[in-house]
Amino acid sequence: MKNRVLRKVAVTGIGVVAPGGVGVEAFWASLFQSAPPRTVRTIEEFEASEWMDHRTAKRLDRVSHLAVAAAHEALADAGLLADPAAAPTSTESQLLIDGIDQTRIAITLGTGIGGVDTLETQMGVRTERGDRLVSPFTVPMTMPNAPAAALSLRYGIQGPAQTITTACASATDAIAMGARLIAEGRADVVLSGGADHSLTPTCVAGFRNMRALSPTGFSRPFDTARDGLAASETAGILVLESLESALARGARIYMIVAGSGSTSDAHHLTAPSPEGAGALRCMTEAIDDAELVPSDVAHVNAHGTSTPAGDLAEARAIATLFGAHRPPVTSIKGVTGHSFGAAGAVEAVAVAMTYATATLPPTVGVTDPDPEMDIDIVTTGRAWEPGPVISNSFGFGGHNASVVFTPPPAAS
């Protein structure tokens, strides 16, 4: 173990479903447009029937539906589907290209509460109609590992299929875990990211009663008028493989996963640590892991949920870490809302497109940046010279996760 040479980890495929759009192209375009005020943001144009047959769909919670759709796009984008032109509901579309060892493919996904929608629905069925009418699929549909299991079954993946639940840090932690599997040679391909649909009436009421939700429906990260988050559902998937493998097969390389960090605040169940101390340690750890220094970082993909305390703590941590260097900072949650356990995954997809287009997306919703925050907030799309990016996710319970991405090799 001590003498093992770590492999560089490349991102060769991306897939996403989000309130702004289904698919990477629509999602990326949405990040440059204003978003209507909605406290709860669902993916209105998404239908599970477009991605799987009716029988399969009925046995999966919506969180798994979202994961399947994002994974299908990511695998097709990476060139790993045997027949990418086939309809996603067909048997042929679920086969991977020849020559891939299914035991060497892994899955690492993050989620907040898993299939909580099914759980709440079936609790209602039991209360109103009795025990005998509760679905026998309640437990396998509800369990947090259900999205990972769905991908394993759909594509015949026989390597590790692991689920991370560290609140809003889940997907970023999952990407870090997936990257380690590739770097250490424990897997050849990893489907990594997250999916979340924690929008049940009870969950929404809970968020509202703890005053986390925006009463106006606007998500305004880092703005003086920010008044809470907009709750949403999303899924984002990255295909990870070794850089050597990606180059050998001529795959498109979006970016390199260069380092990661994970810390705990040990401060409060929901509030961030004062001055963003835990976030600061997390970002520092990730940059050190990438063998970089803060002045190397060219962009911060912020957690930025639009809550008064959370945004201020993150901004203070960023200002402390980077000082006069002041890299540009974006939060995409003004459009996507906050999708909790999946947030870090859709934001990683946004980083991939930031590299692909050499453009920084704006922080939609910001009209009056908070003067207490000494950071460079990107308020309109900005041309950008690609460099290292740090992507942050901070969650309830004091969980902090950061991942550092770097540009792909010039030849790719």
Protein backbone atom coordinates (compact mmCIF):
# COMPACT_ATOMS: atom_id res chain seq x y z
CA MET A 1 0.00 0.00 0.00
CA LYS A 2 2.73 2.46 0.95
CA ASN A 3 4.51 1.98 -2.36
CA ARG A 4 1.40 2.16 -4.54
CA VAL A 5 1.55 4.86 -7.22
CA LEU A 6 -1.71 6.80 -7.27
CA ARG A 7 -3.33 7.22 -10.67
CA LYS A 8 -4.64 10.59 -11.89
CA VAL A 9 -8.43 10.65 -12.05
CA ALA A 10 -10.21 11.99 -15.12
CA VAL A 11 -13.87 12.96 -15.57
CA THR A 12 -14.94 11.63 -18.97
CA GLY A 13 -18.73 11.81 -18.82
CA ILE A 14 -21.36 14.03 -17.19
CA GLY A 15 -25.12 13.79 -16.79
CA VAL A 16 -27.65 15.94 -14.96
CA VAL A 17 -31.33 16.56 -14.31
CA ALA A 18 -32.24 19.75 -12.46
CA PRO A 19 -35.06 22.29 -12.19
CA GLY A 20 -33.37 24.40 -14.87
CA GLY A 21 -33.29 21.58 -17.40
CA VAL A 22 -33.02 17.87 -18.11
CA GLY A 23 -29.66 17.10 -19.70
CA VAL A 24 -26.36 18.94 -19.63
CA GLU A 25 -27.10 21.33 -22.49
CA ALA A 26 -30.39 22.57 -21.04
CA PHE A 27 -28.94 22.67 -17.52
CA TRP A 28 -25.93 24.75 -18.56
CA ALA A 29 -28.09 27.22 -20.50
CA SER A 30 -30.38 27.65 -17.50
CA LEU A 31 -27.51 28.85 -15.31
CA PHE A 32 -27.33 32.07 -17.34
CA GLN A 33 -31.02 32.91 -17.01
CA SER A 34 -33.12 34.36 -14.23
CA ALA A 35 -35.20 31.93 -12.21
CA PRO A 36 -38.81 32.49 -11.13
CA PRO A 37 -39.44 32.74 -7.39
CA ARG A 38 -40.26 29.26 -6.14
CA THR A 39 -39.60 28.07 -2.61
CA VAL A 40 -39.83 24.45 -3.78
CA ARG A 41 -38.25 23.75 -7.19
CA THR A 42 -39.16 20.52 -8.94
CA ILE A 43 -38.12 19.23 -12.36
CA GLU A 44 -41.42 19.76 -14.10
CA GLU A 45 -40.40 18.33 -17.48
CA PHE A 46 -39.07 15.05 -16.07
CA GLU A 47 -40.97 11.79 -16.67
CA ALA A 48 -39.56 8.48 -15.44
CA SER A 49 -41.24 6.70 -18.38
CA GLU A 50 -38.69 8.29 -20.70
CA TRP A 51 -35.89 6.43 -18.94
CA MET A 52 -37.32 3.06 -17.91
CA ASP A 53 -40.29 0.78 -18.41
CA HIS A 54 -43.44 1.20 -16.33
CA ARG A 55 -42.81 -1.88 -14.13
CA THR A 56 -39.31 -0.72 -13.18
CA ALA A 57 -40.47 2.83 -12.53
CA LYS A 58 -43.19 1.66 -10.12
CA ARG A 59 -40.60 -0.16 -8.02
CA LEU A 60 -38.28 2.82 -7.66
CA ASP A 61 -38.68 6.08 -5.77
CA ARG A 62 -38.31 9.33 -7.68
CA VAL A 63 -34.81 9.80 -6.26
CA SER A 64 -33.77 6.65 -8.12
CA HIS A 65 -35.57 7.79 -11.29
CA LEU A 66 -33.45 10.93 -11.26
CA ALA A 67 -30.22 8.97 -10.70
CA VAL A 68 -30.96 6.62 -13.60
CA ALA A 69 -31.59 9.50 -16.00
CA ALA A 70 -28.39 11.32 -15.05
CA ALA A 71 -26.32 8.12 -15.18
CA HIS A 72 -27.61 7.23 -18.63
CA GLU A 73 -26.55 10.60 -20.00
CA ALA A 74 -23.15 10.41 -18.31
CA LEU A 75 -22.40 6.91 -19.62
CA ALA A 76 -23.46 7.88 -23.15
CA ASP A 77 -21.35 11.03 -22.93
CA ALA A 78 -18.34 8.95 -21.86
CA GLY A 79 -18.82 6.56 -24.78
CA LEU A 80 -19.45 3.57 -22.53
CA LEU A 81 -22.90 2.49 -23.74
CA ALA A 82 -23.01 -0.29 -26.30
CA ASP A 83 -25.81 1.45 -28.20
CA PRO A 84 -26.07 5.11 -27.14
CA ALA A 85 -28.61 5.80 -29.91
CA ALA A 86 -31.09 3.29 -28.47
CA ALA A 87 -33.98 4.58 -26.37
CA PRO A 88 -33.11 4.69 -22.66
CA THR A 89 -36.04 2.38 -21.95
CA SER A 90 -34.75 -0.38 -24.23
CA THR A 91 -32.74 -3.39 -23.10
CA GLU A 92 -29.93 -2.58 -25.51
CA SER A 93 -29.36 0.85 -23.98
CA GLN A 94 -28.53 -0.76 -20.67
CA LEU A 95 -25.54 -2.74 -21.99
CA LEU A 96 -22.03 -1.35 -21.61
CA ILE A 97 -19.42 -1.63 -24.35
CA ASP A 98 -17.51 -4.87 -24.76
CA GLY A 99 -14.22 -5.26 -22.95
CA ILE A 100 -15.27 -3.66 -19.68
CA ASP A 101 -14.88 -5.87 -16.64
CA GLN A 102 -18.16 -5.38 -14.74
CA THR A 103 -16.43 -6.33 -11.49
CA ARG A 104 -14.07 -3.36 -11.97
CA ILE A 105 -16.86 -0.76 -12.22
CA ALA A 106 -17.96 0.96 -9.01
CA ILE A 107 -20.70 3.33 -7.89
CA THR A 108 -20.37 6.04 -5.22
CA LEU A 109 -23.48 8.16 -4.75
CA GLY A 110 -24.59 10.74 -2.22
CA THR A 111 -28.13 11.40 -1.03
CA GLY A 112 -29.81 13.16 1.85
CA ILE A 113 -32.66 10.90 3.01
CA GLY A 114 -33.02 8.49 0.09
CA GLY A 115 -36.58 7.55 -0.89
CA VAL A 116 -38.34 9.63 1.75
CA ASP A 117 -41.16 10.38 -0.72
CA THR A 118 -42.10 6.68 -0.79
CA LEU A 119 -41.86 6.45 2.98
CA GLU A 120 -44.21 9.37 3.55
CA THR A 121 -46.65 8.14 0.90
CA GLN A 122 -46.81 4.64 2.35
CA MET A 123 -47.20 5.95 5.88
CA GLY A 124 -50.29 7.74 4.60
CA VAL A 125 -51.53 4.53 2.97
CA ARG A 126 -51.10 2.62 6.23
CA THR A 127 -52.89 5.30 8.27
CA GLU A 128 -55.80 5.66 5.87
CA ARG A 129 -56.20 2.14 4.48
CA GLY A 130 -54.41 -0.27 6.80
CA ASP A 131 -51.26 -2.40 6.94
CA ARG A 132 -52.23 -4.83 4.19
CA LEU A 133 -52.24 -2.14 1.49
CA VAL A 134 -48.71 -0.89 2.21
CA SER A 135 -46.49 -1.62 -0.78
CA PRO A 136 -44.15 -4.60 -0.32
CA PHE A 137 -41.51 -2.48 -2.07
CA THR A 138 -41.61 0.25 0.61
CA VAL A 139 -38.29 -0.66 2.22
CA PRO A 140 -36.22 -1.23 -0.95
CA MET A 141 -37.69 1.96 -2.46
CA THR A 142 -36.98 4.01 0.67
CA MET A 143 -33.48 2.83 1.57
CA PRO A 144 -30.81 5.46 0.88
CA ASN A 145 -28.74 2.99 -1.17
CA ALA A 146 -31.63 2.40 -3.60
CA PRO A 147 -30.27 4.74 -6.34
CA ALA A 148 -26.88 2.97 -6.27
CA ALA A 149 -28.62 -0.41 -6.35
CA ALA A 150 -30.76 0.71 -9.29
CA LEU A 151 -27.67 1.62 -11.31
CA SER A 152 -25.93 -1.62 -10.40
CA LEU A 153 -28.91 -3.68 -11.56
CA ARG A 154 -29.53 -1.64 -14.70
CA TYR A 155 -25.97 -1.85 -15.99
CA GLY A 156 -24.76 -5.10 -14.44
CA ILE A 157 -22.18 -3.30 -12.30
CA GLN A 158 -20.55 -5.72 -9.88
CA GLY A 159 -17.93 -3.62 -8.12
CA PRO A 160 -18.57 -1.62 -4.94
CA ALA A 161 -21.90 0.25 -4.93
CA GLN A 162 -21.61 2.63 -2.02
CA THR A 163 -23.81 5.40 -0.65
CA ILE A 164 -22.69 8.43 1.33
CA THR A 165 -25.12 10.33 3.55
CA THR A 166 -23.42 13.40 5.03
CA ALA A 167 -26.35 15.76 4.56
CA CYS A 168 -25.60 18.49 2.00
CA ALA A 169 -21.97 17.35 1.75
CA SER A 170 -22.99 13.87 0.53
CA ALA A 171 -22.39 14.11 -3.23
CA THR A 172 -19.06 15.90 -2.86
CA ASP A 173 -17.92 13.27 -0.37
CA ALA A 174 -19.11 10.60 -2.84
CA ILE A 175 -17.05 12.11 -5.67
CA ALA A 176 -14.01 12.15 -3.39
CA MET A 177 -14.60 8.49 -2.53
CA GLY A 178 -15.00 7.54 -6.18
CA ALA A 179 -11.81 9.35 -7.09
CA ARG A 180 -9.91 7.43 -4.42
CA LEU A 181 -11.14 4.12 -5.84
CA ILE A 182 -9.71 5.08 -9.24
CA ALA A 183 -6.50 6.59 -7.85
CA GLU A 184 -5.74 3.51 -5.77
CA GLY A 185 -6.45 1.11 -8.63
CA ARG A 186 -9.44 -0.47 -6.91
CA ALA A 187 -11.77 0.31 -9.83
CA ASP A 188 -11.38 1.13 -13.51
CA VAL A 189 -14.61 3.12 -13.91
CA VAL A 190 -16.75 4.80 -11.24
CA LEU A 191 -20.22 6.32 -11.57
CA SER A 192 -20.11 9.03 -8.94
CA GLY A 193 -22.31 11.90 -7.84
CA GLY A 194 -25.67 12.12 -6.15
CA ALA A 195 -29.46 12.30 -6.31
CA ASP A 196 -31.98 13.86 -3.96
CA HIS A 197 -35.74 14.33 -3.71
CA SER A 198 -36.45 15.45 -0.14
CA LEU A 199 -39.53 17.47 -1.06
CA THR A 200 -42.30 15.68 0.81
CA PRO A 201 -44.91 17.78 2.64
CA THR A 202 -43.37 16.83 5.99
CA CYS A 203 -39.80 17.66 4.94
CA VAL A 204 -40.87 20.98 3.41
CA ALA A 205 -42.85 21.85 6.55
CA GLY A 206 -39.84 20.99 8.68
CA PHE A 207 -37.52 23.19 6.64
CA ARG A 208 -40.06 26.00 6.73
CA ASN A 209 -40.60 25.76 10.49
CA MET A 210 -36.87 25.91 11.14
CA ARG A 211 -36.85 29.08 8.99
CA ALA A 212 -34.45 27.64 6.46
CA LEU A 213 -36.73 28.24 3.45
CA SER A 214 -37.00 31.57 1.67
CA PRO A 215 -40.46 33.06 2.32
CA THR A 216 -40.19 35.03 -0.93
CA GLY A 217 -39.16 32.05 -3.06
CA PHE A 218 -36.01 33.81 -4.28
CA SER A 219 -32.61 32.19 -3.87
CA ARG A 220 -30.05 35.00 -3.61
CA PRO A 221 -26.66 33.62 -2.56
CA PHE A 222 -24.37 36.22 -0.97
CA ASP A 223 -26.93 39.01 -1.48
CA THR A 224 -27.85 41.49 1.24
CA ALA A 225 -31.52 40.51 0.85
CA ARG A 226 -30.98 36.73 1.06
CA ASP A 227 -33.68 35.22 3.23
CA GLY A 228 -33.30 31.44 2.98
CA LEU A 229 -32.92 28.59 0.54
CA ALA A 230 -35.15 27.23 -2.19
CA ALA A 231 -35.53 23.47 -1.76
CA SER A 232 -35.09 21.40 -4.92
CA GLU A 233 -34.57 17.97 -6.45
CA THR A 234 -31.67 17.10 -8.74
CA ALA A 235 -29.29 14.36 -9.81
CA GLY A 236 -25.79 14.68 -11.19
CA ILE A 237 -23.43 11.90 -12.27
CA LEU A 238 -19.77 11.95 -13.26
CA VAL A 239 -17.94 9.11 -14.99
CA LEU A 240 -14.51 8.74 -13.43
CA GLU A 241 -11.59 6.73 -14.82
CA SER A 242 -7.83 6.92 -14.77
CA LEU A 243 -6.25 9.57 -16.95
CA GLU A 244 -4.15 6.85 -18.59
CA SER A 245 -7.28 4.90 -19.56
CA ALA A 246 -9.07 7.99 -20.82
CA LEU A 247 -6.14 8.99 -23.02
CA ALA A 248 -5.69 5.45 -24.35
CA ARG A 249 -9.27 5.21 -25.57
CA GLY A 250 -9.40 8.78 -26.86
CA ALA A 251 -12.12 9.87 -24.46
CA ARG A 252 -13.08 13.48 -23.95
CA ILE A 253 -11.63 14.67 -20.65
CA TYR A 254 -13.55 17.42 -18.89
CA MET A 255 -11.29 17.81 -15.87
CA ILE A 256 -9.08 16.05 -13.34
CA VAL A 257 -10.14 15.29 -9.76
CA ALA A 258 -6.98 16.50 -8.05
CA GLY A 259 -7.76 16.52 -4.33
CA SER A 260 -10.39 16.55 -1.62
CA GLY A 261 -11.04 17.49 1.97
CA SER A 262 -13.59 16.52 4.62
CA THR A 263 -14.04 18.00 8.09
CA SER A 264 -16.63 18.37 10.84
CA ASP A 265 -17.50 21.58 12.66
CA ALA A 266 -18.42 19.95 16.00
CA HIS A 267 -20.33 23.16 16.68
CA HIS A 268 -24.11 22.96 16.11
CA LEU A 269 -26.70 20.66 14.53
CA THR A 270 -27.64 23.15 11.80
CA ALA A 271 -25.61 26.35 12.17
CA PRO A 272 -22.09 26.65 10.69
CA SER A 273 -19.08 27.15 12.93
CA PRO A 274 -18.19 30.78 13.69
CA GLU A 275 -16.21 32.53 10.98
CA GLY A 276 -16.46 29.36 8.86
CA ALA A 277 -13.66 27.63 10.75
CA GLY A 278 -14.68 24.14 9.62
CA ALA A 279 -15.10 25.24 6.01
CA LEU A 280 -11.68 26.89 6.12
CA ARG A 281 -10.02 23.71 7.35
CA CYS A 282 -11.85 21.67 4.71
CA MET A 283 -10.79 23.87 1.79
CA THR A 284 -7.23 24.00 3.10
CA GLU A 285 -7.13 20.21 3.33
CA ALA A 286 -8.44 19.81 -0.23
CA ILE A 287 -5.91 22.26 -1.67
CA ASP A 288 -3.08 20.56 0.21
CA ASP A 289 -4.28 17.16 -1.03
CA ALA A 290 -4.11 18.50 -4.60
CA GLU A 291 -0.53 19.63 -3.91
CA LEU A 292 -1.47 23.22 -4.64
CA VAL A 293 -1.42 26.49 -2.73
CA PRO A 294 -4.36 28.90 -2.37
CA SER A 295 -2.97 31.33 -4.93
CA ASP A 296 -3.22 28.55 -7.57
CA VAL A 297 -7.02 28.42 -7.30
CA ALA A 298 -8.72 30.19 -10.21
CA HIS A 299 -12.37 29.79 -9.20
CA VAL A 300 -14.53 28.84 -6.21
CA ASN A 301 -17.72 26.92 -6.89
CA ALA A 302 -19.41 27.88 -3.64
CA HIS A 303 -21.95 26.09 -1.50
CA GLY A 304 -23.83 29.41 -1.25
CA THR A 305 -27.36 28.36 -0.28
CA SER A 306 -28.79 31.86 0.29
CA THR A 307 -29.12 31.50 4.06
CA PRO A 308 -27.92 34.49 6.13
CA ALA A 309 -25.56 32.58 8.44
CA GLY A 310 -24.33 29.96 5.97
CA ASP A 311 -23.34 32.34 3.20
CA LEU A 312 -21.58 34.69 5.60
CA ALA A 313 -19.58 31.88 7.20
CA GLU A 314 -18.50 30.50 3.81
CA ALA A 315 -17.58 33.97 2.52
CA ARG A 316 -15.47 34.63 5.60
CA ALA A 317 -13.70 31.30 5.18
CA ILE A 318 -12.99 32.06 1.51
CA ALA A 319 -11.71 35.55 2.35
CA THR A 320 -9.46 34.19 5.09
CA LEU A 321 -8.03 31.44 2.92
CA PHE A 322 -7.39 33.42 -0.24
CA GLY A 323 -6.78 36.93 1.09
CA ALA A 324 -5.79 39.43 -1.58
CA HIS A 325 -5.78 36.69 -4.27
CA ARG A 326 -9.63 36.83 -4.36
CA PRO A 327 -10.56 34.16 -6.94
CA PRO A 328 -14.00 34.62 -8.55
CA VAL A 329 -16.84 32.94 -6.65
CA THR A 330 -20.06 31.47 -8.08
CA SER A 331 -23.06 29.77 -6.51
CA ILE A 332 -25.51 28.21 -8.99
CA LYS A 333 -28.25 27.76 -6.38
CA GLY A 334 -30.00 30.93 -7.51
CA VAL A 335 -31.20 28.75 -10.41
CA THR A 336 -31.07 25.17 -9.15
CA GLY A 337 -32.13 25.82 -5.59
CA HIS A 338 -30.58 23.63 -2.92
CA SER A 339 -30.87 19.91 -3.59
CA PHE A 340 -29.24 18.86 -0.32
CA GLY A 341 -27.44 15.52 -0.77
CA ALA A 342 -27.16 15.95 -4.55
CA ALA A 343 -26.00 19.57 -4.62
CA GLY A 344 -22.29 18.85 -4.90
CA ALA A 345 -22.89 16.58 -7.90
CA VAL A 346 -24.81 19.04 -10.05
CA GLU A 347 -22.29 21.69 -9.12
CA ALA A 348 -19.47 19.39 -10.25
CA VAL A 349 -21.26 19.10 -13.60
CA ALA A 350 -21.35 22.91 -13.72
CA VAL A 351 -17.58 22.96 -13.09
CA ALA A 352 -17.06 20.51 -15.96
CA MET A 353 -18.98 22.84 -18.26
CA THR A 354 -17.04 25.82 -16.92
CA TYR A 355 -13.92 24.09 -18.21
CA ALA A 356 -15.56 23.05 -21.47
CA THR A 357 -16.68 26.61 -22.28
CA ALA A 358 -13.99 28.65 -20.48
CA THR A 359 -16.87 30.61 -18.96
CA LEU A 360 -17.88 31.21 -15.36
CA PRO A 361 -21.64 31.03 -14.75
CA PRO A 362 -23.18 33.89 -12.78
CA THR A 363 -24.58 33.82 -9.28
CA VAL A 364 -28.18 34.39 -10.35
CA GLY A 365 -30.30 36.38 -7.92
CA VAL A 366 -27.54 38.67 -6.66
CA THR A 367 -28.37 42.34 -7.16
CA ASP A 368 -26.81 43.82 -4.02
CA PRO A 369 -23.77 41.82 -2.82
CA ASP A 370 -23.45 41.77 0.95
CA PRO A 371 -20.79 44.36 1.87
CA GLU A 372 -19.72 42.18 4.82
CA MET A 373 -18.34 39.65 2.34
CA ASP A 374 -14.89 40.42 0.94
CA ILE A 375 -15.13 38.04 -2.02
CA ASP A 376 -15.35 38.45 -5.80
CA ILE A 377 -18.92 37.32 -6.56
CA VAL A 378 -19.55 36.55 -10.24
CA THR A 379 -22.84 38.30 -11.05
CA THR A 380 -22.81 37.94 -14.84
CA GLY A 381 -21.26 35.29 -17.08
CA ARG A 382 -17.53 35.88 -17.30
CA ALA A 383 -14.85 34.66 -19.72
CA TRP A 384 -12.26 32.67 -17.82
CA GLU A 385 -8.81 31.20 -18.21
CA PRO A 386 -9.19 27.62 -16.94
CA GLY A 387 -7.27 26.78 -13.79
CA PRO A 388 -7.80 24.87 -10.56
CA VAL A 389 -11.34 25.03 -9.11
CA ILE A 390 -12.45 24.25 -5.59
CA SER A 391 -16.04 23.11 -5.14
CA ASN A 392 -17.62 23.31 -1.67
CA SER A 393 -20.50 21.50 0.04
CA PHE A 394 -21.39 22.10 3.68
CA GLY A 395 -24.20 20.31 5.49
CA PHE A 396 -26.34 20.01 8.60
CA GLY A 397 -24.51 18.27 11.40
CA GLY A 398 -21.39 20.28 10.59
CA HIS A 399 -20.28 18.09 7.66
CA ASN A 400 -17.92 19.87 5.26
CA ALA A 401 -16.60 18.57 1.94
CA SER A 402 -14.48 20.17 -0.77
CA VAL A 403 -13.09 18.82 -4.04
CA VAL A 404 -10.37 20.40 -6.16
CA PHE A 405 -10.61 20.00 -9.94
CA THR A 406 -7.87 20.94 -12.41
CA PRO A 407 -7.96 21.42 -16.21
CA PRO A 408 -7.57 18.45 -18.53
CA PRO A 409 -4.30 17.87 -20.38
CA ALA A 410 -3.96 20.29 -23.27
CA ALA A 411 -3.87 17.45 -25.81
CA SER A 412 -7.37 16.24 -24.84
